[in-house]
N, C-alpha and C. Protein backbone atom coordinates (compact mmCIF):
# COMPACT_ATOMS: atom_id res chain seq x y z
N UNK A 1 0.06 -31.41 -3.87
CA UNK A 1 0.63 -30.18 -5.00
C UNK A 1 0.00 -29.10 -4.14
N UNK A 2 -1.25 -29.27 -3.74
CA UNK A 2 -2.03 -27.74 -3.30
C UNK A 2 -1.09 -27.07 -2.33
N UNK A 3 -0.66 -28.17 -1.45
CA UNK A 3 0.11 -27.73 -0.23
C UNK A 3 1.13 -26.94 -0.46
N UNK A 4 2.19 -27.27 -1.81
CA UNK A 4 3.23 -26.23 -2.30
C UNK A 4 2.67 -25.10 -2.54
N UNK A 5 1.53 -25.35 -3.43
CA UNK A 5 1.03 -23.80 -4.06
C UNK A 5 0.57 -23.27 -2.96
N UNK A 6 0.06 -23.64 -2.13
CA UNK A 6 -0.36 -22.75 -0.75
C UNK A 6 1.11 -22.29 0.05
N UNK A 7 2.26 -22.70 0.28
CA UNK A 7 3.39 -22.47 0.60
C UNK A 7 4.10 -21.36 -0.23
N UNK A 8 3.99 -21.52 -1.78
CA UNK A 8 4.62 -20.57 -2.13
C UNK A 8 4.02 -19.59 -2.29
N UNK A 9 2.65 -19.06 -2.14
CA UNK A 9 1.73 -18.24 -1.90
C UNK A 9 2.04 -17.65 -0.50
N UNK A 10 2.39 -18.41 0.27
CA UNK A 10 2.37 -17.62 1.63
C UNK A 10 3.92 -17.02 1.46
N UNK A 11 4.96 -17.55 1.15
CA UNK A 11 6.27 -17.17 0.72
C UNK A 11 6.01 -16.01 0.17
N UNK A 12 5.82 -15.75 -0.98
CA UNK A 12 5.32 -14.68 -1.61
C UNK A 12 4.96 -13.23 -1.27
N UNK A 13 3.83 -13.87 -0.22
CA UNK A 13 3.47 -12.55 0.86
C UNK A 13 4.19 -12.01 1.36
N UNK A 14 4.91 -13.25 2.05
CA UNK A 14 5.80 -12.66 2.86
C UNK A 14 7.09 -11.87 2.34
N UNK A 15 8.08 -12.39 1.55
CA UNK A 15 8.72 -11.47 0.85
C UNK A 15 8.12 -10.29 0.23
N UNK A 16 6.95 -10.02 0.13
CA UNK A 16 6.19 -8.74 -0.23
C UNK A 16 6.47 -7.80 0.32
N UNK A 17 5.56 -8.41 2.01
CA UNK A 17 5.55 -7.38 3.10
C UNK A 17 6.68 -6.97 3.87
N UNK A 18 8.18 -7.78 3.32
CA UNK A 18 9.36 -7.98 3.92
C UNK A 18 10.07 -6.55 3.18
N UNK A 19 9.92 -6.67 1.95
CA UNK A 19 10.53 -5.70 1.47
C UNK A 19 9.93 -5.18 0.05
N UNK A 20 10.69 -3.73 -0.64
CA UNK A 20 10.01 -2.85 -1.33
C UNK A 20 9.54 -1.38 -0.44
N UNK A 21 9.22 -0.22 -1.06
CA UNK A 21 8.95 1.04 -0.69
C UNK A 21 8.16 0.62 0.22
N UNK A 22 8.19 1.11 1.55
CA UNK A 22 7.87 1.07 2.84
C UNK A 22 8.22 0.61 3.81
N UNK A 23 9.52 -0.26 3.39
CA UNK A 23 10.32 -1.17 4.42
C UNK A 23 11.24 -0.30 5.05
N UNK A 24 11.05 0.19 6.16
CA UNK A 24 11.50 1.49 6.68
C UNK A 24 11.74 1.17 8.62
N UNK A 25 12.77 1.28 9.01
CA UNK A 25 12.59 1.13 10.60
C UNK A 25 12.51 2.61 10.94
N UNK A 26 11.58 3.07 12.06
CA UNK A 26 11.35 4.31 12.42
C UNK A 26 12.11 4.48 13.57
N UNK A 27 12.34 5.64 13.67
CA UNK A 27 13.23 6.03 15.15
C UNK A 27 12.45 5.48 16.22
N UNK A 28 12.69 5.23 17.67
CA UNK A 28 11.75 5.13 18.58
C UNK A 28 11.42 6.40 18.97
N UNK A 29 11.97 7.46 18.84
CA UNK A 29 11.03 8.86 18.93
C UNK A 29 9.52 8.67 17.99
N UNK A 30 9.00 8.05 17.28
CA UNK A 30 8.10 8.07 16.21
C UNK A 30 7.28 7.38 17.25
N UNK A 31 5.86 7.78 17.67
CA UNK A 31 4.78 7.07 18.28
C UNK A 31 3.70 6.98 17.44
N UNK A 32 3.45 7.20 16.49
CA UNK A 32 2.17 7.28 15.97
C UNK A 32 2.48 8.06 14.61
N UNK A 33 1.69 7.31 13.21
CA UNK A 33 1.52 7.48 11.67
C UNK A 33 0.08 7.42 11.91
N UNK A 34 -0.50 8.62 11.11
CA UNK A 34 -1.79 8.94 10.85
C UNK A 34 -1.76 9.40 9.45
N UNK A 35 -2.67 8.74 9.00
CA UNK A 35 -3.16 9.24 7.13
C UNK A 35 -4.36 9.64 7.04
N UNK A 36 -4.89 10.50 6.35
CA UNK A 36 -6.29 11.51 6.30
C UNK A 36 -6.05 11.37 4.56
N UNK A 37 -7.33 10.87 4.11
CA UNK A 37 -7.71 11.28 2.87
C UNK A 37 -9.16 10.62 2.83
N UNK A 38 -9.47 11.33 1.11
CA UNK A 38 -10.75 11.09 0.59
C UNK A 38 -10.43 9.78 -0.03
N UNK A 39 -11.75 8.68 0.28
CA UNK A 39 -11.69 7.10 -0.50
C UNK A 39 -11.96 7.50 -1.92
N UNK A 40 -11.98 8.24 -2.44
CA UNK A 40 -12.24 8.21 -4.12
C UNK A 40 -11.30 9.10 -4.49
N UNK A 41 -11.02 8.60 -6.25
CA UNK A 41 -9.95 9.41 -6.68
C UNK A 41 -10.57 10.41 -7.34
N UNK A 42 -10.20 11.54 -7.20
CA UNK A 42 -10.69 12.69 -8.13
C UNK A 42 -9.75 12.88 -9.27
N UNK A 43 -9.56 12.60 -10.21
CA UNK A 43 -8.30 13.36 -11.14
C UNK A 43 -7.15 12.43 -10.36
N UNK A 44 -6.37 13.21 -10.29
CA UNK A 44 -4.78 12.65 -9.33
C UNK A 44 -4.80 12.95 -7.94
N UNK A 45 -5.81 13.54 -7.68
CA UNK A 45 -5.53 14.04 -6.46
C UNK A 45 -6.18 12.94 -5.54
N UNK A 46 -5.63 12.71 -4.40
CA UNK A 46 -5.99 11.28 -3.42
C UNK A 46 -5.51 10.05 -3.93
N UNK A 47 -4.91 9.95 -5.13
CA UNK A 47 -4.12 8.78 -5.75
C UNK A 47 -2.90 8.51 -5.09
N UNK A 48 -2.00 9.39 -4.52
CA UNK A 48 -0.86 8.97 -3.77
C UNK A 48 -0.96 8.44 -2.41
N UNK A 49 -1.96 9.09 -2.17
CA UNK A 49 -2.04 8.74 -0.55
C UNK A 49 -2.76 7.48 -0.49
N UNK A 50 -3.64 7.01 -1.20
CA UNK A 50 -4.30 5.84 -1.54
C UNK A 50 -3.44 4.68 -1.62
N UNK A 51 -2.26 4.95 -2.39
CA UNK A 51 -1.44 3.99 -3.07
C UNK A 51 -0.50 3.76 -1.69
N UNK A 52 0.25 4.75 -1.01
CA UNK A 52 0.51 5.03 -0.01
C UNK A 52 0.15 4.11 1.17
N UNK A 53 -1.25 4.25 1.19
CA UNK A 53 -1.80 3.40 2.47
C UNK A 53 -2.07 1.85 2.08
N UNK A 54 -2.06 1.74 0.96
CA UNK A 54 -2.08 0.19 0.38
C UNK A 54 -1.16 -0.65 0.21
N UNK A 55 0.03 0.14 -0.30
CA UNK A 55 1.18 -0.66 -0.68
C UNK A 55 2.20 -0.33 0.19
N UNK A 56 2.60 0.73 0.76
CA UNK A 56 3.63 1.41 1.92
C UNK A 56 3.34 0.91 3.22
N UNK A 57 2.11 1.29 3.86
CA UNK A 57 1.75 1.20 4.83
C UNK A 57 1.99 -0.20 5.66
N UNK A 58 1.47 -1.29 5.02
CA UNK A 58 1.61 -2.40 5.35
C UNK A 58 2.89 -3.06 5.95
N UNK A 59 3.84 -2.57 4.61
CA UNK A 59 5.39 -2.71 4.84
C UNK A 59 5.93 -2.39 6.25
N UNK A 60 5.28 -0.70 6.38
CA UNK A 60 6.03 0.01 7.39
C UNK A 60 5.34 -0.36 8.71
N UNK A 61 4.29 -1.01 8.68
CA UNK A 61 3.54 -1.68 10.17
C UNK A 61 4.38 -3.10 10.49
N UNK A 62 4.96 -3.75 9.12
CA UNK A 62 5.49 -5.31 9.46
C UNK A 62 6.83 -4.78 10.21
N UNK A 63 7.42 -3.74 9.65
CA UNK A 63 8.93 -3.57 9.79
C UNK A 63 8.86 -2.82 11.80
N UNK A 64 7.44 -2.23 11.80
CA UNK A 64 7.34 -1.28 13.22
C UNK A 64 6.33 -1.89 14.05
N UNK A 65 6.03 -2.96 14.41
CA UNK A 65 4.77 -3.47 14.85
C UNK A 65 4.50 -2.63 16.23
N UNK A 66 5.33 -2.14 16.77
CA UNK A 66 4.55 -0.97 18.41
C UNK A 66 4.34 0.10 18.05
N UNK A 67 4.10 0.58 16.36
CA UNK A 67 3.89 1.93 16.09
C UNK A 67 2.21 2.39 15.76
N UNK A 68 1.56 2.62 16.37
CA UNK A 68 0.51 2.40 15.67
C UNK A 68 0.18 3.30 14.49
N UNK A 69 -0.40 2.89 13.65
CA UNK A 69 -0.83 3.34 12.25
C UNK A 69 -2.05 3.19 11.75
N UNK A 70 -2.95 4.45 11.35
CA UNK A 70 -4.07 4.43 11.38
C UNK A 70 -4.12 5.47 10.22
N UNK A 71 -5.53 5.14 9.62
CA UNK A 71 -6.09 5.90 8.41
C UNK A 71 -7.66 6.27 8.99
N UNK A 72 -7.94 7.38 8.18
CA UNK A 72 -9.22 8.20 8.39
C UNK A 72 -9.51 8.51 6.83
N UNK A 73 -10.62 7.97 6.68
CA UNK A 73 -11.24 8.26 5.23
C UNK A 73 -12.52 9.20 5.21
N UNK A 74 -12.27 10.38 4.96
CA UNK A 74 -13.13 11.09 5.25
C UNK A 74 -14.36 11.72 3.98
N UNK A 75 -15.10 12.50 4.15
CA UNK A 75 -16.43 12.21 3.17
C UNK A 75 -15.96 13.43 1.97
N UNK A 76 -15.79 14.21 2.35
CA UNK A 76 -15.40 15.54 1.60
C UNK A 76 -14.29 15.60 0.59
N UNK A 77 -15.01 15.55 -0.65
CA UNK A 77 -14.21 15.47 -1.89
C UNK A 77 -13.36 16.78 -2.40
N UNK A 78 -13.52 17.55 -1.38
CA UNK A 78 -12.94 19.00 -1.87
C UNK A 78 -11.85 19.12 -0.67
N UNK A 79 -11.82 17.99 0.20
CA UNK A 79 -11.06 18.30 1.30
C UNK A 79 -9.36 17.81 1.24
N UNK A 80 -8.78 18.07 2.15
CA UNK A 80 -7.47 17.64 1.75
C UNK A 80 -7.07 16.42 2.38
N UNK A 81 -5.95 16.03 2.13
CA UNK A 81 -5.43 14.65 2.34
C UNK A 81 -3.67 15.19 3.50
N UNK A 82 -4.11 14.41 4.53
CA UNK A 82 -2.83 14.92 5.19
C UNK A 82 -2.10 13.58 5.86
N UNK A 83 -0.78 13.70 6.10
CA UNK A 83 0.21 12.76 6.73
C UNK A 83 0.54 13.27 7.95
N UNK A 84 0.05 12.90 9.13
CA UNK A 84 0.24 13.05 10.49
C UNK A 84 1.45 12.24 11.06
N UNK A 85 2.41 12.90 11.48
CA UNK A 85 3.75 12.21 12.11
C UNK A 85 3.74 12.90 13.63
N UNK A 86 3.63 11.66 14.42
CA UNK A 86 3.61 12.25 16.44
C UNK A 86 5.07 11.53 16.75
N UNK A 87 5.53 12.28 17.51
CA UNK A 87 6.70 12.07 18.04
C UNK A 87 6.76 11.99 19.60
N UNK A 88 7.43 11.34 20.54
CA UNK A 88 7.50 11.44 21.93
C UNK A 88 8.40 12.81 22.09
N UNK A 89 9.16 13.26 21.47
CA UNK A 89 10.03 14.47 21.72
C UNK A 89 9.67 15.45 20.94
N UNK A 90 9.86 16.86 21.26
CA UNK A 90 9.77 17.85 20.58
C UNK A 90 10.61 18.34 19.43
N UNK A 91 10.00 18.49 18.74
CA UNK A 91 10.83 18.36 17.25
C UNK A 91 10.84 19.83 16.55
N UNK A 92 11.66 20.72 15.98
CA UNK A 92 11.70 22.15 15.67
C UNK A 92 10.70 22.03 14.33
N UNK A 93 9.44 22.72 14.15
CA UNK A 93 8.67 22.88 13.06
C UNK A 93 9.32 23.44 11.92
N UNK A 94 9.27 22.87 10.52
CA UNK A 94 10.01 23.11 9.47
C UNK A 94 9.24 24.15 8.32
N UNK A 95 9.70 24.61 7.34
CA UNK A 95 8.77 25.46 6.48
C UNK A 95 7.69 24.53 5.80
N UNK A 96 8.23 23.40 5.54
CA UNK A 96 7.21 22.54 4.89
C UNK A 96 6.17 21.84 6.01
N UNK A 97 5.77 22.10 7.17
CA UNK A 97 4.87 21.68 8.22
C UNK A 97 3.79 22.65 8.00
N UNK A 98 2.81 21.95 7.67
CA UNK A 98 1.27 22.89 7.90
C UNK A 98 0.59 22.13 8.58
N UNK A 99 -0.37 22.78 9.00
CA UNK A 99 -1.61 22.23 9.51
C UNK A 99 -2.72 22.12 8.90
N UNK A 100 -3.58 21.25 9.40
CA UNK A 100 -4.98 20.94 8.60
C UNK A 100 -5.71 22.53 9.21
N UNK A 101 -6.51 22.52 8.20
CA UNK A 101 -7.92 23.86 8.38
C UNK A 101 -8.43 23.33 9.82
N UNK A 102 -8.43 24.67 10.78
CA UNK A 102 -9.20 24.31 11.82
C UNK A 102 -8.31 23.46 13.05
N UNK A 103 -7.01 23.38 12.86
CA UNK A 103 -6.25 22.73 13.86
C UNK A 103 -5.44 23.42 14.50
N UNK A 104 -5.40 23.81 15.81
CA UNK A 104 -4.41 24.64 16.40
C UNK A 104 -2.86 24.31 16.49
N UNK A 105 -2.00 24.86 16.52
CA UNK A 105 -0.75 23.95 16.67
C UNK A 105 -0.31 23.86 18.27
N UNK A 106 0.05 22.80 18.19
CA UNK A 106 0.40 21.98 19.49
C UNK A 106 1.43 22.96 20.60
N UNK A 107 0.87 22.69 21.75
CA UNK A 107 1.86 23.39 22.76
C UNK A 107 2.99 22.68 23.02
N UNK A 108 4.28 23.39 23.41
CA UNK A 108 5.24 22.78 23.88
C UNK A 108 5.01 21.52 25.03
N UNK A 109 4.39 22.03 25.68
CA UNK A 109 4.16 20.79 26.83
C UNK A 109 3.26 19.49 26.22
N UNK A 110 2.47 19.42 25.15
CA UNK A 110 1.98 18.56 24.07
C UNK A 110 3.18 17.50 23.76
N UNK A 111 3.89 18.55 22.85
CA UNK A 111 4.95 17.71 22.17
C UNK A 111 5.70 16.76 23.07
N UNK A 112 6.02 17.57 24.40
CA UNK A 112 6.81 16.37 25.10
C UNK A 112 6.56 15.41 25.84
N UNK A 113 4.91 15.41 25.98
CA UNK A 113 4.72 14.04 26.56
C UNK A 113 3.40 13.86 25.86
N UNK A 114 3.69 13.07 24.74
CA UNK A 114 2.72 12.83 23.47
C UNK A 114 1.73 12.01 24.15
N UNK A 115 0.60 12.12 23.91
CA UNK A 115 -0.75 11.36 24.23
C UNK A 115 -1.29 11.33 22.43
N UNK A 116 -1.63 10.31 21.66
CA UNK A 116 -1.71 10.57 20.28
C UNK A 116 -3.60 10.65 20.29
N UNK A 117 -3.91 10.69 21.30
CA UNK A 117 -5.33 10.51 21.00
C UNK A 117 -6.09 12.34 21.37
N UNK A 118 -5.05 12.87 22.00
CA UNK A 118 -5.25 14.31 22.82
C UNK A 118 -4.52 15.27 22.26
N UNK A 119 -3.15 15.13 21.78
CA UNK A 119 -1.87 15.43 21.39
C UNK A 119 -1.82 16.11 19.74
N UNK A 120 -1.74 17.22 19.23
CA UNK A 120 -1.47 17.44 18.01
C UNK A 120 -0.24 16.86 17.44
N UNK A 121 -0.27 16.57 16.36
CA UNK A 121 0.85 15.94 15.74
C UNK A 121 2.06 16.72 15.45
N UNK A 122 3.02 16.21 15.82
CA UNK A 122 4.80 16.86 15.63
C UNK A 122 4.82 17.54 14.15
N UNK A 123 4.65 16.69 13.28
CA UNK A 123 4.35 17.44 12.12
C UNK A 123 3.13 17.14 10.76
N UNK A 124 2.35 17.89 10.35
CA UNK A 124 1.30 17.44 9.42
C UNK A 124 1.70 17.64 8.07
N UNK A 125 1.63 17.13 7.05
CA UNK A 125 2.20 17.51 5.68
C UNK A 125 0.71 17.40 4.74
N UNK A 126 0.10 18.21 3.83
CA UNK A 126 -0.44 18.22 2.97
C UNK A 126 0.22 17.18 1.61
N UNK A 127 -0.96 16.20 1.60
CA UNK A 127 -0.04 14.97 0.31
C UNK A 127 -1.38 14.68 -0.53
N UNK A 128 -1.96 15.77 -0.48
CA UNK A 128 -3.19 15.27 -1.68
C UNK A 128 -3.20 15.10 -2.95
N UNK A 129 -1.74 15.85 -3.31
CA UNK A 129 -1.62 16.00 -4.80
C UNK A 129 0.10 14.69 -4.86
N UNK A 130 0.35 14.48 -4.20
CA UNK A 130 1.93 14.17 -3.78
C UNK A 130 1.68 12.60 -4.36
N UNK A 131 2.58 12.15 -5.15
CA UNK A 131 2.73 10.90 -5.45
C UNK A 131 3.57 10.05 -4.04
N UNK A 132 2.82 8.79 -4.44
CA UNK A 132 3.44 7.79 -3.06
C UNK A 132 4.86 7.78 -2.59
N UNK A 133 5.54 7.55 -3.48
CA UNK A 133 7.02 7.77 -3.21
C UNK A 133 7.45 9.32 -2.71
N UNK A 134 6.78 10.12 -3.33
CA UNK A 134 7.17 11.67 -2.57
C UNK A 134 6.63 11.55 -0.82
N UNK A 135 5.86 10.74 -0.79
CA UNK A 135 5.20 10.55 0.55
C UNK A 135 5.87 10.25 1.67
N UNK A 136 6.70 8.94 0.99
CA UNK A 136 7.37 8.05 1.98
C UNK A 136 8.64 8.94 1.95
N UNK A 137 9.37 9.57 0.86
CA UNK A 137 10.58 10.50 1.05
C UNK A 137 10.50 11.24 2.09
N UNK A 138 9.14 12.21 2.22
CA UNK A 138 9.03 13.16 2.85
C UNK A 138 8.59 12.78 4.69
N UNK A 139 8.26 11.49 4.66
CA UNK A 139 8.36 10.59 6.29
C UNK A 139 9.66 10.48 6.59
N UNK A 140 10.50 9.75 5.72
CA UNK A 140 11.61 9.28 5.98
C UNK A 140 12.81 10.66 6.16
N UNK A 141 12.72 11.52 5.40
CA UNK A 141 13.38 13.07 5.75
C UNK A 141 13.01 13.25 7.17
N UNK A 142 11.73 13.63 7.53
CA UNK A 142 11.12 14.36 8.68
C UNK A 142 11.42 13.14 9.81
N UNK A 143 11.54 11.98 9.36
CA UNK A 143 11.63 11.31 10.80
C UNK A 143 12.95 10.68 11.25
N UNK A 144 13.68 10.39 10.03
CA UNK A 144 15.01 10.06 9.94
C UNK A 144 14.95 8.79 10.15
N UNK A 145 14.11 8.02 9.39
CA UNK A 145 13.99 6.68 9.10
C UNK A 145 14.79 6.11 8.40
N UNK A 146 15.35 4.60 8.78
CA UNK A 146 15.83 3.91 7.86
C UNK A 146 15.43 3.03 7.01
N UNK A 147 16.10 3.41 5.47
CA UNK A 147 15.50 2.44 4.68
C UNK A 147 15.91 1.13 4.49
N UNK A 148 15.32 -0.20 4.85
CA UNK A 148 15.72 -1.03 4.74
C UNK A 148 16.00 -2.07 3.48
N UNK A 149 17.30 -2.22 3.19
CA UNK A 149 17.35 -2.84 1.66
C UNK A 149 17.08 -4.61 1.80
N UNK A 150 16.63 -4.82 -0.03
CA UNK A 150 16.45 -6.21 0.49
C UNK A 150 17.48 -6.82 0.35
N UNK A 151 17.56 -7.85 1.19
CA UNK A 151 18.93 -8.85 1.00
C UNK A 151 19.05 -9.92 -0.19
N UNK A 152 20.21 -9.58 -1.01
CA UNK A 152 20.24 -10.26 -2.31
C UNK A 152 19.46 -11.54 -2.41
N UNK A 153 19.54 -12.55 -1.53
CA UNK A 153 18.60 -13.96 -1.55
C UNK A 153 17.39 -13.94 -1.54
N UNK A 154 16.55 -12.90 -0.82
CA UNK A 154 15.22 -12.52 -0.96
C UNK A 154 14.91 -11.93 -2.37
N UNK A 155 15.65 -11.03 -3.06
CA UNK A 155 15.56 -10.48 -3.99
C UNK A 155 16.00 -11.11 -4.94
N UNK A 156 16.29 -12.35 -5.29
CA UNK A 156 16.53 -13.36 -6.07
C UNK A 156 15.19 -14.06 -6.03
N UNK A 157 15.11 -14.70 -5.03
CA UNK A 157 13.32 -15.39 -4.63
C UNK A 157 12.20 -14.58 -5.45
N UNK A 158 12.25 -13.22 -4.77
CA UNK A 158 11.35 -12.19 -5.51
C UNK A 158 11.16 -12.23 -7.03
N UNK A 159 12.23 -12.06 -7.74
CA UNK A 159 12.61 -12.11 -9.04
C UNK A 159 11.90 -13.77 -9.69
N UNK A 160 12.30 -14.55 -8.94
CA UNK A 160 11.78 -15.90 -9.49
C UNK A 160 10.30 -16.19 -9.66
N UNK A 161 9.81 -15.34 -8.52
CA UNK A 161 8.21 -15.40 -8.16
C UNK A 161 7.38 -14.67 -9.58
N UNK A 162 8.57 -13.54 -10.12
CA UNK A 162 8.13 -12.89 -10.96
C UNK A 162 7.75 -13.68 -12.32
N UNK A 163 8.90 -14.12 -12.62
CA UNK A 163 9.05 -14.99 -13.35
C UNK A 163 7.92 -16.27 -13.43
N UNK A 164 7.84 -16.82 -12.51
CA UNK A 164 6.76 -18.01 -12.47
C UNK A 164 5.35 -17.20 -12.65
N UNK A 165 5.17 -15.99 -12.29
CA UNK A 165 3.88 -15.60 -12.33
C UNK A 165 3.80 -15.23 -14.20
N UNK A 166 4.74 -14.76 -14.73
CA UNK A 166 4.43 -14.30 -16.05
C UNK A 166 4.45 -15.79 -16.82
N UNK A 167 5.26 -16.97 -16.34
CA UNK A 167 4.80 -18.24 -16.96
C UNK A 167 3.35 -18.92 -16.86
N UNK A 168 3.04 -18.71 -15.49
CA UNK A 168 1.76 -18.95 -14.90
C UNK A 168 0.59 -18.32 -16.10
N UNK A 169 0.54 -16.77 -16.15
CA UNK A 169 -0.16 -16.21 -16.74
C UNK A 169 -0.14 -16.91 -18.22
N UNK A 170 0.77 -17.02 -18.97
CA UNK A 170 1.06 -17.77 -20.05
C UNK A 170 0.00 -19.04 -19.96
N UNK A 171 0.62 -20.13 -19.53
CA UNK A 171 -0.31 -21.18 -19.39
C UNK A 171 -1.76 -21.05 -19.18
N UNK A 172 -2.22 -20.26 -18.40
CA UNK A 172 -3.43 -20.07 -18.17
C UNK A 172 -4.21 -19.56 -19.38
N UNK A 173 -3.76 -18.50 -20.29
CA UNK A 173 -4.18 -18.34 -21.27
C UNK A 173 -4.28 -19.31 -22.46
N UNK A 174 -3.43 -20.34 -22.47
CA UNK A 174 -3.19 -21.27 -23.61
C UNK A 174 -4.30 -22.53 -22.90
N UNK A 175 -4.28 -22.47 -21.79
CA UNK A 175 -5.06 -23.61 -21.19
C UNK A 175 -6.92 -23.20 -21.48
N UNK A 176 -7.30 -21.84 -21.43
CA UNK A 176 -8.12 -21.19 -21.65
C UNK A 176 -8.67 -21.06 -23.24
N UNK A 177 -7.41 -20.49 -23.95
CA UNK A 177 -8.01 -20.82 -25.59
C UNK A 177 -7.97 -22.27 -25.84
N UNK A 178 -7.60 -23.33 -25.16
CA UNK A 178 -7.64 -24.78 -25.89
C UNK A 178 -8.90 -25.34 -25.25
N UNK A 179 -9.42 -25.03 -23.90
CA UNK A 179 -11.08 -25.07 -23.95
C UNK A 179 -11.99 -24.62 -24.70
N UNK A 180 -11.83 -23.32 -24.86
CA UNK A 180 -12.86 -22.65 -25.65
C UNK A 180 -12.91 -23.12 -27.09
N UNK A 181 -11.97 -23.52 -27.47
CA UNK A 181 -11.55 -24.47 -28.68
C UNK A 181 -12.18 -25.57 -29.05
N UNK A 182 -11.98 -26.27 -28.14
CA UNK A 182 -12.34 -27.42 -27.98
C UNK A 182 -14.07 -27.51 -28.06
N UNK A 183 -14.26 -26.81 -26.97
CA UNK A 183 -16.18 -26.42 -27.23
C UNK A 183 -16.72 -25.94 -28.20
N UNK A 184 -15.91 -25.35 -29.04
CA UNK A 184 -16.60 -24.75 -30.45
C UNK A 184 -16.72 -25.80 -31.35
N UNK A 185 -15.33 -26.76 -31.44
CA UNK A 185 -15.38 -27.92 -31.93
C UNK A 185 -16.63 -29.12 -31.50
N UNK A 186 -16.99 -29.13 -30.58
CA UNK A 186 -17.91 -30.21 -30.27
C UNK A 186 -19.06 -29.31 -30.19
N UNK A 187 -19.50 -28.22 -30.26
CA UNK A 187 -20.53 -27.73 -30.60
C UNK A 187 -20.71 -27.95 -32.13
N UNK A 188 -19.99 -27.73 -32.75
CA UNK A 188 -20.14 -27.75 -34.31
C UNK A 188 -20.31 -29.07 -34.92
N UNK A 189 -19.54 -30.18 -33.99
CA UNK A 189 -20.14 -31.43 -34.23
C UNK A 189 -21.26 -31.88 -34.00
N UNK A 190 -21.95 -31.57 -32.87
CA UNK A 190 -23.37 -31.38 -32.63
C UNK A 190 -24.42 -31.03 -33.45
N UNK A 191 -23.51 -29.71 -34.30
CA UNK A 191 -24.87 -29.11 -35.58
C UNK A 191 -24.52 -29.89 -36.48
N UNK A 192 -23.25 -30.65 -36.80
CA UNK A 192 -23.56 -30.95 -38.22
C UNK A 192 -24.14 -32.69 -37.81
N UNK A 193 -24.30 -33.07 -36.84
CA UNK A 193 -25.05 -34.27 -36.35
C UNK A 193 -26.46 -34.09 -36.40
N UNK A 194 -26.89 -33.11 -36.06
CA UNK A 194 -28.42 -32.22 -36.11
C UNK A 194 -28.66 -32.80 -34.58
N UNK A 195 -27.79 -33.01 -33.61
CA UNK A 195 -28.04 -33.26 -32.19
C UNK A 195 -28.52 -31.80 -31.04
N UNK A 196 -28.07 -30.63 -32.32
CA UNK A 196 -28.63 -29.23 -31.40
C UNK A 196 -30.00 -28.78 -32.23
N UNK A 197 -31.11 -28.94 -31.50
CA UNK A 197 -32.13 -28.04 -32.65
C UNK A 197 -32.07 -26.61 -32.82
N UNK A 198 -32.32 -26.08 -33.96
CA UNK A 198 -31.95 -24.69 -34.52
C UNK A 198 -33.02 -23.96 -33.71
N UNK A 199 -32.65 -22.84 -33.28
CA UNK A 199 -33.57 -21.94 -32.56
C UNK A 199 -34.88 -21.50 -33.18
N UNK A 200 -35.77 -21.61 -32.53
CA UNK A 200 -37.31 -21.06 -33.32
C UNK A 200 -37.56 -19.93 -33.78
């Protein structure tokens, strides 16, 4: 029984990382994705960046194992949050593309021969107040990534897992309530028999 539950958990994790927001296929020109944000929530600031990192980047990495994806968590609560996209070919800058404070524009030579450690990103976006879905839409739009749809059979399996989890949670609550009730009844029985001394 334990092995069955373990296999079920592994299958659920596999389905989760294969499907859902962030399951995209990046074009071969994308050489690196880097995320930068403050680790703590300050109002609604940084919430989208944190959720994007936690929920969507694992799926992106699973679908694009050869593309380095990194995260920097800075300590300035007043600082920004940025999505950096590196590509191996020069891409014309759009009106939405911005550079973080103190960052110089990339040279044409750097854009054509990308070295992520020393070259400026092709695109940098301020994402401090964006929702995680908006960050993903921005990434897809600027890179031309392909959004991968969930196969019908896997969608059905995911739905079955959701139903199983709902039933399992209901069962856990019922078991917990029954155990608490039995303990209370046992305690009352001991009190009635005088087996439990009164507190001094």
